[in-house]
Amino acid sequence: MKKLLVSLFLLAALVLCVFSVSPVFDFGKTEPFSGPDIYNPYASLPDNPQWKRANFHTHTRKGPGIDECARYASQVYSDYMKMGYDVLAFANHNRLTRHPFDTSLQITVYEHGYNIAKFHKLVFGPSRVMRFDHLLPLFPSQKQWQYDLLAADADFIVMNHPDWTRLLGPRSLRKLTGYRFMEADSGAGTDLRAWDEALSAGHYSYCLINDDCHDSGFLGTFARRCSWLSTPSARYEDVKATLLSGCFYSMRVPFFGNGDRQVALAENARLPRIEYIGLQKDTVVMRVSEPALIEAWGQGHRLLGSTQSDRFSRPLEADEPYMHLTAYFDNGVVIYTNAFARYDASVADSPYKLAPHRVNVPLTILFNALLLALAVLICRTLFRLWAHKKAEA
């Protein structure tokens, strides 16, 4: 029994070695956003926006047998539509899921990641599922390589739930690049510290929060986080264009009714909304449907200003890299905007850029050689362990 347990441990270590292979990157120096212009993600917003409610991170039952989810895609879709949603994507783990009713509304996406740290990503528009993953992504280089590999077969990538991803601290957030969106509100708080950490390092992304719902029958995790898109339709091409332009805002919804579905339905039918948001010269302006505590946040997760009103305006000063707004309403709803950020419009269309990360060849060879040596040592130990047992027999 002892030999069996030791063997299982060594086999697990061997698998871990195999799935730890990675280049080692030299990450470029990070710098805050700067430039003479201000990026306005809501530049295309019409005068009377018709917002569409969306969730892009929903799990469903896949088939008979043991399954982490209680309901099939058809039932989940029906539940969300009754709650006032217009756009829904099924992001099952490492699996592409078909729309249950209408192929014209298909949004092809899956959640990538088997790893222990729950370093997960939403991959939009892939042709297939990438099976490789680092089972224990300890280092920023391993995480970055995953983004690089996934980006080769994707329209864009979302960094999932950074608030409770293990081994994803400020050091990694200041280095990682290649994702276009972050599920910035995924924990118990509403301070968006992980997003601000990345924005302060000059890594621009949009705030796209989602339910990560595994059971649409449980109101505690169903219809609690969503995004509102200014899109002409729920078809993927329109949704993709809206997402990549940033013309949307995200919302955190309280546990209305404490499990009473009728109360939840009624409250979800009258959620507050953004009526206008944009840029007037160098001033960020927002108008919401009812009074709220509106806060402006900027570089280094610093509170830039706040007001209790249905309107907010504040200039983005020349020495301020970016600003995003959070609105807290009396009924517990929280709205998050995307970030207005400084950039040079003569050089780029937006502040987003794929930050350089070059392969450090000597360190890459050394790191993977160490993994190989450890794997060989484990194999030899296993061989000797069982050869010794055979000799004893």
Protein backbone atom coordinates (compact mmCIF):
# COMPACT_ATOMS: atom_id res chain seq x y z
CA MET A 1 0.00 0.00 0.00
CA LYS A 2 2.85 2.39 0.83
CA LYS A 3 4.49 1.70 -2.52
CA LEU A 4 1.19 2.27 -4.29
CA LEU A 5 0.68 5.61 -2.57
CA VAL A 6 4.25 6.69 -3.30
CA SER A 7 3.79 5.64 -6.93
CA LEU A 8 0.58 7.63 -7.27
CA PHE A 9 2.34 10.68 -5.82
CA LEU A 10 5.26 10.29 -8.22
CA LEU A 11 2.90 9.84 -11.19
CA ALA A 12 1.07 13.03 -10.21
CA ALA A 13 4.41 14.84 -10.01
CA LEU A 14 5.36 13.46 -13.43
CA VAL A 15 2.12 14.72 -14.99
CA LEU A 16 2.69 18.08 -13.33
CA CYS A 17 6.17 18.28 -14.89
CA VAL A 18 4.84 17.46 -18.36
CA PHE A 19 2.12 20.11 -18.08
CA SER A 20 4.48 22.79 -16.76
CA VAL A 21 6.48 23.17 -19.98
CA SER A 22 6.61 26.81 -21.00
CA PRO A 23 8.81 29.51 -22.47
CA VAL A 24 10.20 32.04 -20.02
CA PHE A 25 9.42 35.60 -21.04
CA ASP A 26 11.15 38.88 -20.41
CA PHE A 27 8.24 41.26 -19.87
CA GLY A 28 8.61 44.83 -21.04
CA LYS A 29 8.51 47.81 -18.73
CA THR A 30 4.98 48.89 -17.86
CA GLU A 31 3.90 52.51 -18.09
CA PRO A 32 0.64 54.30 -17.24
CA PHE A 33 -1.57 55.51 -20.07
CA SER A 34 -0.48 58.83 -21.51
CA GLY A 35 -1.05 61.00 -24.54
CA PRO A 36 -2.86 64.12 -25.75
CA ASP A 37 -6.16 62.33 -26.46
CA ILE A 38 -8.78 60.58 -24.34
CA TYR A 39 -10.23 57.28 -25.46
CA ASN A 40 -14.04 57.26 -25.26
CA PRO A 41 -15.45 53.71 -25.34
CA TYR A 42 -18.94 55.18 -25.75
CA ALA A 43 -18.18 57.27 -28.81
CA SER A 44 -20.67 55.28 -30.92
CA LEU A 45 -23.51 55.49 -28.38
CA PRO A 46 -26.72 56.80 -30.05
CA ASP A 47 -28.84 59.57 -28.52
CA ASN A 48 -31.48 57.09 -27.34
CA PRO A 49 -29.59 53.86 -26.68
CA GLN A 50 -31.53 50.61 -26.72
CA TRP A 51 -29.53 48.57 -24.25
CA LYS A 52 -29.59 44.76 -24.49
CA ARG A 53 -28.91 42.68 -21.40
CA ALA A 54 -26.28 39.97 -21.81
CA ASN A 55 -24.48 37.20 -19.96
CA PHE A 56 -21.49 35.45 -21.53
CA HIS A 57 -20.48 33.03 -18.78
CA THR A 58 -23.20 30.44 -18.24
CA HIS A 59 -22.80 26.71 -17.67
CA THR A 60 -25.29 24.00 -18.59
CA ARG A 61 -25.84 20.29 -18.17
CA LYS A 62 -24.14 18.38 -20.99
CA GLY A 63 -25.81 14.97 -20.82
CA PRO A 64 -26.86 12.08 -18.58
CA GLY A 65 -24.73 10.98 -15.67
CA ILE A 66 -22.70 13.01 -13.20
CA ASP A 67 -22.68 16.71 -14.10
CA GLU A 68 -21.84 19.88 -12.19
CA CYS A 69 -24.90 21.66 -13.67
CA ALA A 70 -28.55 20.98 -12.99
CA ARG A 71 -30.25 22.24 -16.17
CA TYR A 72 -29.83 21.74 -19.90
CA ALA A 73 -29.14 24.65 -22.27
CA SER A 74 -32.79 24.95 -23.40
CA GLN A 75 -34.05 25.41 -19.83
CA VAL A 76 -31.20 27.79 -18.93
CA TYR A 77 -31.93 29.89 -22.01
CA SER A 78 -35.63 30.06 -21.10
CA ASP A 79 -34.81 31.08 -17.51
CA TYR A 80 -32.60 33.94 -18.65
CA MET A 81 -35.05 35.24 -21.24
CA LYS A 82 -37.81 35.37 -18.59
CA MET A 83 -35.50 37.48 -16.44
CA GLY A 84 -35.19 40.10 -19.18
CA TYR A 85 -32.00 39.01 -20.95
CA ASP A 86 -31.49 39.45 -24.69
CA VAL A 87 -28.08 37.83 -25.26
CA LEU A 88 -26.84 34.59 -23.74
CA ALA A 89 -23.71 32.54 -24.36
CA PHE A 90 -23.04 29.03 -23.05
CA ALA A 91 -19.44 28.86 -21.81
CA ASN A 92 -19.05 25.29 -20.64
CA HIS A 93 -15.66 24.08 -19.42
CA ASN A 94 -13.45 23.06 -22.35
CA ARG A 95 -16.49 22.30 -24.50
CA LEU A 96 -18.28 24.08 -27.36
CA THR A 97 -22.06 24.22 -26.84
CA ARG A 98 -24.67 24.79 -29.53
CA HIS A 99 -27.49 27.28 -29.12
CA PRO A 100 -30.58 25.20 -28.21
CA PHE A 101 -33.06 26.97 -30.52
CA ASP A 102 -31.63 29.42 -33.03
CA THR A 103 -28.32 28.98 -34.85
CA SER A 104 -28.42 32.64 -35.89
CA LEU A 105 -27.93 33.53 -32.21
CA GLN A 106 -25.00 31.18 -31.74
CA ILE A 107 -22.11 32.64 -29.75
CA THR A 108 -19.25 30.16 -29.83
CA VAL A 109 -17.33 30.39 -26.57
CA TYR A 110 -15.90 28.08 -23.94
CA GLU A 111 -14.19 28.40 -20.58
CA HIS A 112 -10.61 27.20 -20.80
CA GLY A 113 -8.75 25.73 -17.86
CA TYR A 114 -8.40 22.51 -15.88
CA ASN A 115 -5.75 23.89 -13.54
CA ILE A 116 -5.70 23.79 -9.76
CA ALA A 117 -5.41 27.59 -9.49
CA LYS A 118 -8.69 28.16 -11.43
CA PHE A 119 -6.86 30.41 -13.89
CA HIS A 120 -9.74 30.36 -16.38
CA LYS A 121 -10.39 32.23 -19.60
CA LEU A 122 -13.42 32.75 -21.83
CA VAL A 123 -12.37 32.07 -25.43
CA PHE A 124 -14.65 33.67 -28.05
CA GLY A 125 -14.88 32.51 -31.66
CA PRO A 126 -12.59 29.46 -31.57
CA SER A 127 -12.71 26.69 -34.18
CA ARG A 128 -11.87 24.08 -31.54
CA VAL A 129 -11.09 23.63 -27.85
CA MET A 130 -7.44 23.88 -26.83
CA ARG A 131 -6.73 20.93 -24.54
CA PHE A 132 -3.35 22.00 -23.18
CA ASP A 133 -3.21 23.71 -19.81
CA HIS A 134 -0.66 24.22 -17.06
CA LEU A 135 -2.01 22.21 -14.15
CA LEU A 136 -0.24 24.50 -11.67
CA PRO A 137 0.48 27.85 -13.35
CA LEU A 138 2.92 29.26 -10.82
CA PHE A 139 4.67 31.81 -13.01
CA PRO A 140 3.50 34.80 -15.08
CA SER A 141 5.26 33.32 -18.13
CA GLN A 142 3.05 30.23 -17.98
CA LYS A 143 -0.11 32.32 -17.75
CA GLN A 144 1.07 34.56 -20.60
CA TRP A 145 1.82 31.59 -22.83
CA GLN A 146 -1.72 30.36 -22.34
CA TYR A 147 -3.06 33.70 -23.57
CA ASP A 148 -0.70 33.55 -26.55
CA LEU A 149 -1.75 30.01 -27.48
CA LEU A 150 -5.45 30.72 -27.10
CA ALA A 151 -5.26 33.96 -29.09
CA ALA A 152 -4.07 32.04 -32.16
CA ASP A 153 -7.59 30.61 -32.51
CA ALA A 154 -9.90 33.19 -30.97
CA ASP A 155 -11.59 36.50 -31.69
CA PHE A 156 -10.81 37.70 -28.18
CA ILE A 157 -10.26 36.45 -24.64
CA VAL A 158 -11.73 37.31 -21.22
CA MET A 159 -9.77 36.99 -17.97
CA ASN A 160 -12.19 35.18 -15.68
CA HIS A 161 -12.89 35.86 -11.99
CA PRO A 162 -9.51 37.39 -10.97
CA ASP A 163 -10.81 38.04 -7.44
CA TRP A 164 -10.72 34.34 -6.58
CA THR A 165 -8.18 32.96 -9.01
CA ARG A 166 -5.28 31.53 -7.02
CA LEU A 167 -1.69 32.54 -7.86
CA LEU A 168 -2.90 35.67 -9.68
CA GLY A 169 -1.49 38.48 -7.60
CA PRO A 170 -0.52 42.06 -8.42
CA ARG A 171 2.78 40.90 -9.95
CA SER A 172 0.99 38.83 -12.58
CA LEU A 173 -1.65 41.49 -13.23
CA ARG A 174 1.07 44.06 -13.91
CA LYS A 175 2.68 41.75 -16.48
CA LEU A 176 -0.07 39.83 -18.29
CA THR A 177 -1.40 41.05 -21.60
CA GLY A 178 -3.44 39.73 -24.52
CA TYR A 179 -6.89 39.59 -22.94
CA ARG A 180 -9.42 42.22 -24.05
CA PHE A 181 -11.87 41.93 -21.14
CA MET A 182 -11.77 41.23 -17.42
CA GLU A 183 -14.52 39.90 -15.16
CA ALA A 184 -13.54 42.68 -12.80
CA ASP A 185 -16.34 42.12 -10.26
CA SER A 186 -16.22 38.44 -9.37
CA GLY A 187 -15.85 38.47 -5.58
CA ALA A 188 -17.68 39.74 -2.53
CA GLY A 189 -16.56 43.37 -2.94
CA THR A 190 -17.17 46.01 -5.58
CA ASP A 191 -13.83 47.81 -5.54
CA LEU A 192 -12.43 46.28 -8.80
CA ARG A 193 -8.88 46.22 -7.45
CA ALA A 194 -7.61 43.60 -9.88
CA TRP A 195 -8.84 45.63 -12.85
CA ASP A 196 -7.28 48.80 -11.47
CA GLU A 197 -4.00 46.97 -10.92
CA ALA A 198 -3.86 46.06 -14.61
CA LEU A 199 -5.12 49.44 -15.83
CA SER A 200 -2.54 51.24 -13.69
CA ALA A 201 0.19 49.21 -15.40
CA GLY A 202 -1.05 50.43 -18.79
CA HIS A 203 -2.90 47.21 -19.73
CA TYR A 204 -6.21 48.38 -21.14
CA SER A 205 -9.23 46.08 -20.99
CA TYR A 206 -12.99 46.40 -20.71
CA CYS A 207 -14.96 45.47 -17.59
CA LEU A 208 -17.24 42.58 -18.61
CA ILE A 209 -18.84 40.91 -15.60
CA ASN A 210 -20.91 37.72 -15.80
CA ASP A 211 -22.92 35.36 -13.63
CA ASP A 212 -20.69 32.30 -13.99
CA CYS A 213 -24.00 30.55 -13.34
CA HIS A 214 -24.09 26.77 -12.87
CA ASP A 215 -27.77 26.47 -11.90
CA SER A 216 -30.36 28.91 -13.24
CA GLY A 217 -32.84 27.46 -10.74
CA PHE A 218 -30.88 28.95 -7.82
CA LEU A 219 -31.50 32.69 -7.58
CA GLY A 220 -28.44 33.17 -5.39
CA THR A 221 -26.15 32.89 -8.44
CA PHE A 222 -28.60 33.46 -11.29
CA ALA A 223 -29.11 36.87 -12.98
CA ARG A 224 -26.78 38.54 -10.48
CA ARG A 225 -24.17 39.96 -12.85
CA CYS A 226 -24.63 41.09 -16.43
CA SER A 227 -23.63 43.59 -19.10
CA TRP A 228 -25.79 45.98 -21.10
CA LEU A 229 -24.78 46.35 -24.75
CA SER A 230 -25.66 49.07 -27.21
CA THR A 231 -26.05 46.62 -30.08
CA PRO A 232 -28.59 46.47 -32.93
CA SER A 233 -29.16 42.73 -32.49
CA ALA A 234 -28.22 39.65 -30.48
CA ARG A 235 -26.34 38.13 -33.42
CA TYR A 236 -22.69 37.42 -32.78
CA GLU A 237 -21.26 39.80 -35.37
CA ASP A 238 -23.17 42.73 -33.84
CA VAL A 239 -22.37 41.61 -30.30
CA LYS A 240 -18.68 41.19 -31.15
CA ALA A 241 -18.46 44.66 -32.71
CA THR A 242 -20.11 46.22 -29.67
CA LEU A 243 -17.88 44.40 -27.20
CA LEU A 244 -14.68 45.29 -29.03
CA SER A 245 -15.73 48.95 -29.23
CA GLY A 246 -16.45 49.04 -25.48
CA CYS A 247 -19.94 50.49 -25.91
CA PHE A 248 -21.47 48.65 -22.96
CA TYR A 249 -21.62 48.80 -19.19
CA SER A 250 -21.75 46.09 -16.52
CA MET A 251 -24.12 45.61 -13.62
CA ARG A 252 -24.17 43.80 -10.27
CA VAL A 253 -27.71 42.88 -9.16
CA PRO A 254 -28.64 42.15 -5.52
CA PHE A 255 -30.38 38.98 -4.29
CA PHE A 256 -33.87 40.38 -4.83
CA GLY A 257 -36.59 38.62 -2.85
CA ASN A 258 -34.16 36.28 -1.05
CA GLY A 259 -35.21 33.43 -3.32
CA ASP A 260 -38.74 34.59 -4.21
CA ARG A 261 -38.75 34.30 -8.00
CA GLN A 262 -41.74 36.59 -8.50
CA VAL A 263 -40.07 39.39 -6.54
CA ALA A 264 -36.86 38.84 -8.51
CA LEU A 265 -38.76 39.00 -11.81
CA ALA A 266 -40.49 42.23 -10.80
CA GLU A 267 -37.30 43.93 -9.59
CA ASN A 268 -35.32 42.83 -12.66
CA ALA A 269 -37.99 44.45 -14.84
CA ARG A 270 -37.24 47.90 -13.41
CA LEU A 271 -33.49 48.05 -13.05
CA PRO A 272 -31.80 51.47 -13.20
CA ARG A 273 -29.84 52.25 -16.35
CA ILE A 274 -27.39 54.63 -17.95
CA GLU A 275 -29.25 57.16 -20.09
CA TYR A 276 -26.14 58.91 -21.41
CA ILE A 277 -22.41 58.54 -21.05
CA GLY A 278 -19.64 60.10 -23.06
CA LEU A 279 -16.89 62.64 -23.36
CA GLN A 280 -17.38 66.39 -23.76
CA LYS A 281 -13.98 67.82 -24.64
CA ASP A 282 -11.88 66.48 -21.72
CA THR A 283 -14.83 65.92 -19.35
CA VAL A 284 -16.41 62.55 -18.65
CA VAL A 285 -20.19 62.93 -18.38
CA MET A 286 -22.80 60.39 -17.27
CA ARG A 287 -26.55 60.55 -16.65
CA VAL A 288 -28.42 57.68 -14.99
CA SER A 289 -32.14 56.98 -14.67
CA GLU A 290 -32.31 57.64 -10.92
CA PRO A 291 -30.06 59.16 -8.24
CA ALA A 292 -27.08 57.14 -7.11
CA LEU A 293 -23.75 57.50 -5.35
CA ILE A 294 -21.43 57.89 -8.34
CA GLU A 295 -17.69 57.46 -7.84
CA ALA A 296 -14.80 58.07 -10.23
CA TRP A 297 -11.74 55.84 -9.87
CA GLY A 298 -8.31 56.26 -11.39
CA GLN A 299 -4.61 55.41 -11.35
CA GLY A 300 -3.47 53.27 -8.43
CA HIS A 301 -7.08 52.55 -7.41
CA ARG A 302 -7.49 56.15 -6.26
CA LEU A 303 -10.90 57.74 -5.70
CA LEU A 304 -10.93 60.82 -7.93
CA GLY A 305 -14.31 62.19 -6.92
CA SER A 306 -17.91 61.33 -6.07
CA THR A 307 -21.42 62.76 -6.03
CA GLN A 308 -24.92 61.75 -4.93
CA SER A 309 -27.00 62.56 -7.99
CA ASP A 310 -28.39 61.25 -11.26
CA ARG A 311 -25.65 63.15 -13.12
CA PHE A 312 -21.88 63.16 -12.99
CA SER A 313 -19.22 65.15 -14.76
CA ARG A 314 -15.51 65.46 -14.14
CA PRO A 315 -12.57 66.37 -16.37
CA LEU A 316 -9.81 63.82 -16.89
CA GLU A 317 -6.81 65.98 -16.06
CA ALA A 318 -3.72 65.90 -18.28
CA ASP A 319 -1.71 64.03 -15.63
CA GLU A 320 -4.43 61.44 -14.95
CA PRO A 321 -4.00 58.23 -17.01
CA TYR A 322 -7.58 56.95 -16.84
CA MET A 323 -10.97 57.11 -15.15
CA HIS A 324 -13.89 54.72 -14.77
CA LEU A 325 -17.18 55.23 -12.92
CA THR A 326 -19.13 53.14 -10.41
CA ALA A 327 -22.75 53.98 -9.49
CA TYR A 328 -24.38 52.62 -6.31
CA PHE A 329 -28.20 52.74 -6.31
CA ASP A 330 -30.51 52.63 -3.30
CA ASN A 331 -31.96 49.24 -4.29
CA GLY A 332 -28.50 47.63 -4.18
CA VAL A 333 -27.77 47.67 -7.92
CA VAL A 334 -24.21 48.64 -8.90
CA ILE A 335 -23.24 49.86 -12.39
CA TYR A 336 -19.67 49.85 -13.70
CA THR A 337 -18.56 51.76 -16.78
CA ASN A 338 -15.62 51.06 -19.02
CA ALA A 339 -12.52 53.21 -18.63
CA PHE A 340 -11.77 56.50 -20.35
CA ALA A 341 -8.02 56.53 -20.86
CA ARG A 342 -5.29 58.72 -22.27
CA TYR A 343 -3.61 57.71 -25.53
CA ASP A 344 -2.28 59.17 -28.78
CA ALA A 345 -4.95 58.90 -31.48
CA SER A 346 -2.36 59.57 -34.21
CA VAL A 347 -0.58 56.32 -33.27
CA ALA A 348 -3.37 53.90 -32.29
CA ASP A 349 -7.14 53.50 -32.36
CA SER A 350 -7.33 52.83 -28.64
CA PRO A 351 -5.12 52.49 -25.54
CA TYR A 352 -5.21 48.69 -25.89
CA LYS A 353 -1.95 47.15 -26.99
CA LEU A 354 -0.29 43.77 -26.82
CA ALA A 355 2.64 44.54 -24.53
CA PRO A 356 5.97 43.02 -25.65
CA HIS A 357 7.11 39.84 -23.93
CA ARG A 358 10.17 38.27 -25.50
CA VAL A 359 11.35 34.73 -24.96
CA ASN A 360 14.43 34.54 -22.77
CA VAL A 361 16.15 31.65 -24.58
CA PRO A 362 18.75 30.69 -21.91
CA LEU A 363 16.18 30.72 -19.09
CA THR A 364 13.68 28.85 -21.26
CA ILE A 365 16.21 26.10 -21.98
CA LEU A 366 17.23 25.92 -18.31
CA PHE A 367 13.64 25.85 -16.99
CA ASN A 368 12.49 23.10 -19.35
CA ALA A 369 15.73 21.14 -18.90
CA LEU A 370 15.08 21.12 -15.14
CA LEU A 371 11.55 19.84 -15.79
CA LEU A 372 12.96 17.11 -18.06
CA ALA A 373 15.59 16.14 -15.49
CA LEU A 374 12.94 15.96 -12.77
CA ALA A 375 10.69 13.84 -15.02
CA VAL A 376 13.57 11.44 -15.75
CA LEU A 377 14.36 11.21 -12.03
CA ILE A 378 10.72 10.39 -11.26
CA CYS A 379 10.63 7.70 -13.97
CA ARG A 380 13.84 6.11 -12.67
CA THR A 381 12.49 6.17 -9.12
CA LEU A 382 9.28 4.47 -10.24
CA PHE A 383 11.23 1.87 -12.18
CA ARG A 384 13.50 1.08 -9.22
CA LEU A 385 10.56 0.99 -6.84
CA TRP A 386 8.67 -1.64 -8.81
CA ALA A 387 11.79 -3.49 -10.00
CA HIS A 388 12.74 -3.87 -6.35
CA LYS A 389 9.27 -5.20 -5.55
CA LYS A 390 9.54 -7.73 -8.42
CA ALA A 391 12.97 -8.85 -7.16
CA GLU A 392 11.55 -9.37 -3.67
CA ALA A 393 8.78 -11.52 -5.12
